[in-house]
């Protein structure tokens, strides 16, 4: 094959790839990162009762790497309120919460390892508005 023919084939391949990219078509199978499906407590929810744990469910199994999957929950003063290690079960990660949390805003930060090996991170909030004890 001549140099001109190789160059023409290479340029054609680049043009096809570029048009597929612009058109939203992938030439090769894409490895999708795990997507967060559900959270408990729900995103931006206000709870009248303290949950025992935070649970996140993804659309694909996560990889079990030491320290790779973590949920951190903090209060408005940025103090950790999670209890124990983050647990992984397939596509679900969870962590317990310390008992006796006060009313207020809580931030949930997570980092998990998708089945394709890439980290997936995110943050959301929930609120506690517990009834006052009489």
Protein backbone atom coordinates (compact mmCIF):
# COMPACT_ATOMS: atom_id res chain seq x y z
CA UNK A 1 0.00 0.00 0.00
CA UNK A 2 1.36 3.40 -0.94
CA UNK A 3 1.90 6.27 1.43
CA UNK A 4 -0.84 8.30 -0.32
CA UNK A 5 -3.34 5.45 0.02
CA UNK A 6 -2.49 4.96 3.72
CA UNK A 7 -2.87 8.69 4.31
CA UNK A 8 -6.19 8.79 2.47
CA UNK A 9 -7.52 5.83 4.50
CA UNK A 10 -6.35 7.41 7.76
CA UNK A 11 -7.98 10.75 6.87
CA UNK A 12 -11.21 8.98 5.94
CA UNK A 13 -11.21 7.13 9.25
CA UNK A 14 -10.71 10.39 11.13
CA UNK A 15 -13.53 12.05 9.18
CA UNK A 16 -15.92 9.16 9.86
CA UNK A 17 -15.00 9.12 13.55
CA UNK A 18 -15.45 12.88 13.83
CA UNK A 19 -18.84 12.78 12.10
CA UNK A 20 -19.98 9.95 14.36
CA UNK A 21 -18.83 11.88 17.42
CA UNK A 22 -20.60 15.05 16.34
CA UNK A 23 -23.69 13.05 15.42
CA UNK A 24 -23.75 11.31 18.79
CA UNK A 25 -22.96 7.85 17.44
CA UNK A 26 -20.15 5.90 18.97
CA UNK A 27 -17.92 3.80 16.75
CA UNK A 28 -16.92 1.55 19.66
CA UNK A 29 -18.89 0.33 22.64
CA UNK A 30 -18.83 2.91 25.40
CA UNK A 31 -18.07 1.99 28.97
CA UNK A 32 -20.64 3.84 30.99
CA UNK A 33 -19.90 4.87 34.53
CA UNK A 34 -22.33 3.71 37.17
CA UNK A 35 -25.24 6.12 37.57
CA UNK A 36 -26.89 6.84 40.90
CA UNK A 37 -30.49 5.60 40.78
CA UNK A 38 -31.89 6.09 44.28
CA UNK A 39 -30.88 7.47 47.63
CA UNK A 40 -32.24 6.87 51.10
CA UNK A 41 -32.76 9.41 52.56
CA UNK A 42 -33.94 10.95 49.32
CA UNK A 43 -32.19 13.97 47.83
CA UNK A 44 -33.36 17.22 49.48
CA UNK A 45 -35.85 15.35 51.67
CA UNK A 46 -36.94 16.58 55.09
CA UNK A 47 -37.30 13.77 57.61
CA UNK A 48 -39.31 13.74 60.82
CA UNK A 49 -37.43 10.66 62.03
CA UNK A 50 -33.68 10.03 61.94
CA UNK A 51 -32.66 7.27 59.53
CA UNK A 52 -30.38 4.52 60.80
CA UNK A 53 -28.22 4.66 57.67
CA UNK A 54 -27.65 6.24 54.26
CA UNK A 55 -28.09 3.92 51.28
CA UNK A 56 -27.19 4.62 47.64
CA UNK A 57 -28.24 2.35 44.77
CA UNK A 58 -26.48 2.51 41.40
CA UNK A 59 -27.46 1.09 38.01
CA UNK A 60 -24.49 -1.28 37.86
CA UNK A 61 -22.34 -3.26 40.26
CA UNK A 62 -19.48 -1.43 41.89
CA UNK A 63 -15.91 -2.68 42.28
CA UNK A 64 -14.86 -3.70 45.78
CA UNK A 65 -11.51 -1.94 46.26
CA UNK A 66 -10.18 -1.17 49.72
CA UNK A 67 -11.19 2.40 50.50
CA UNK A 68 -12.56 2.88 46.98
CA UNK A 69 -16.21 3.11 47.99
CA UNK A 70 -16.97 5.68 50.65
CA UNK A 71 -19.92 7.60 51.99
CA UNK A 72 -19.24 10.55 54.28
CA UNK A 73 -22.10 12.32 56.06
CA UNK A 74 -21.53 15.65 57.81
CA UNK A 75 -23.72 18.06 59.74
CA UNK A 76 -23.85 21.85 59.29
CA UNK A 77 -20.71 22.20 61.45
CA UNK A 78 -18.88 19.78 59.09
CA UNK A 79 -18.64 17.10 61.80
CA UNK A 80 -18.82 13.49 60.66
CA UNK A 81 -22.03 11.74 61.67
CA UNK A 82 -21.53 8.43 59.87
CA UNK A 83 -20.91 5.37 62.00
CA UNK A 84 -18.73 2.49 60.88
CA UNK A 85 -17.35 1.62 57.47
CA UNK A 86 -19.14 1.96 54.15
CA UNK A 87 -20.62 -1.40 53.11
CA UNK A 88 -20.83 -2.60 49.52
CA UNK A 89 -23.35 -5.12 48.19
CA UNK A 90 -23.29 -5.29 44.39
CA UNK A 91 -24.74 -1.98 43.20
CA UNK A 92 -25.64 -0.76 46.70
CA UNK A 93 -23.46 1.10 49.19
CA UNK A 94 -24.50 2.12 52.69
CA UNK A 95 -23.16 3.55 55.91
CA UNK A 96 -24.70 3.76 59.37
CA UNK A 97 -25.45 7.04 61.11
CA UNK A 98 -24.66 7.93 64.71
CA UNK A 99 -27.75 7.97 66.91
CA UNK A 100 -29.15 11.20 68.34
CA UNK A 101 -28.63 13.55 65.42
CA UNK A 102 -29.98 17.08 65.80
CA UNK A 103 -32.30 19.00 63.52
CA UNK A 104 -30.55 20.54 60.55
CA UNK A 105 -28.98 20.05 57.16
CA UNK A 106 -26.83 16.99 56.43
CA UNK A 107 -24.48 16.59 53.49
CA UNK A 108 -23.87 13.18 51.92
CA UNK A 109 -20.66 12.87 49.88
CA UNK A 110 -19.92 9.66 48.04
CA UNK A 111 -17.13 8.17 45.99
CA UNK A 112 -17.60 4.75 44.42
CA UNK A 113 -15.67 2.72 41.86
CA UNK A 114 -17.72 1.94 38.78
CA UNK A 115 -17.49 -1.50 37.18
CA UNK A 116 -15.43 0.09 34.39
CA UNK A 117 -12.85 1.11 37.02
CA UNK A 118 -13.60 4.82 37.05
CA UNK A 119 -14.53 6.72 40.21
CA UNK A 120 -18.00 8.22 40.46
CA UNK A 121 -18.49 11.03 42.97
CA UNK A 122 -21.35 13.20 44.09
CA UNK A 123 -22.96 15.16 46.88
CA UNK A 124 -26.49 15.73 48.06
CA UNK A 125 -28.31 17.02 51.12
CA UNK A 126 -31.13 15.93 53.38
CA UNK A 127 -32.70 17.65 56.36
CA UNK A 128 -33.83 16.49 59.79
CA UNK A 129 -36.79 18.22 61.38
CA UNK A 130 -37.45 16.01 64.36
CA UNK A 131 -40.46 16.54 66.59
CA UNK A 132 -39.57 18.08 69.94
CA UNK A 133 -39.86 15.70 72.88
CA UNK A 134 -42.51 16.65 75.40
